């Protein structure tokens, strides 16, 4: 399972990338705006901080507008993946970008299995199912991940299923069990994945015992 950091904070990205275990980054307009930095310069810096893909949102009301904006965004760095919404115009743009413009696409804001199916039919590189927003409506978000993975298997789609906006280690565990292709999470959850009280306990015991035997 690939792990992407869900942020536009450059220092967070660098800390996670320094582990050697970060596979990419996802951003959105809100996260970019929160940094207060000029958009294009920030995107270039983020793309330089990781070797993997960086998802950046295209904004327009029409497919033509999305394609034009996406091509411009993709020109900022070679590892950019452009995010488009799961709408009629967004999916039309996704198909054009993937098949005619050689731009990799991440279809976002997917909250239902039939939406995931339509997104995969475009040939999108990634299809993002957003867990945290579903959980907020008392919906079991992992059922959508399970459905999306089943659709991918049944029909031989090539899109990577991306479970977006994970907030807990239970989310991570559920995605691992389902064989999800990619997860996106904040820096805090990324580093929580290293932790367990029994790990801390065992290391403390080893350190104590080494102190008894080493000169």
Foldseek 3Di string as FASTA:
>chain_A
DAEEAEALDLVLLLVLVVVVRHAYYEYEPVRQVVVVDDDLVSVLSRCVSHVAAYEYEADDDALVSSLVSQLVNCVSDVRYAYEFELDPRRLVNLLCCVPPVVHAYEYDDDAALVSLLSNLVSLHQAYEHEQPVCVVVVHRSLVSVLSSLVSCVVVVGNHQYEYEEDDDVVVVVSCVVSVHRYYYYHSVRVVCVVDDVVVVVVVVVVVVVVVVPPD
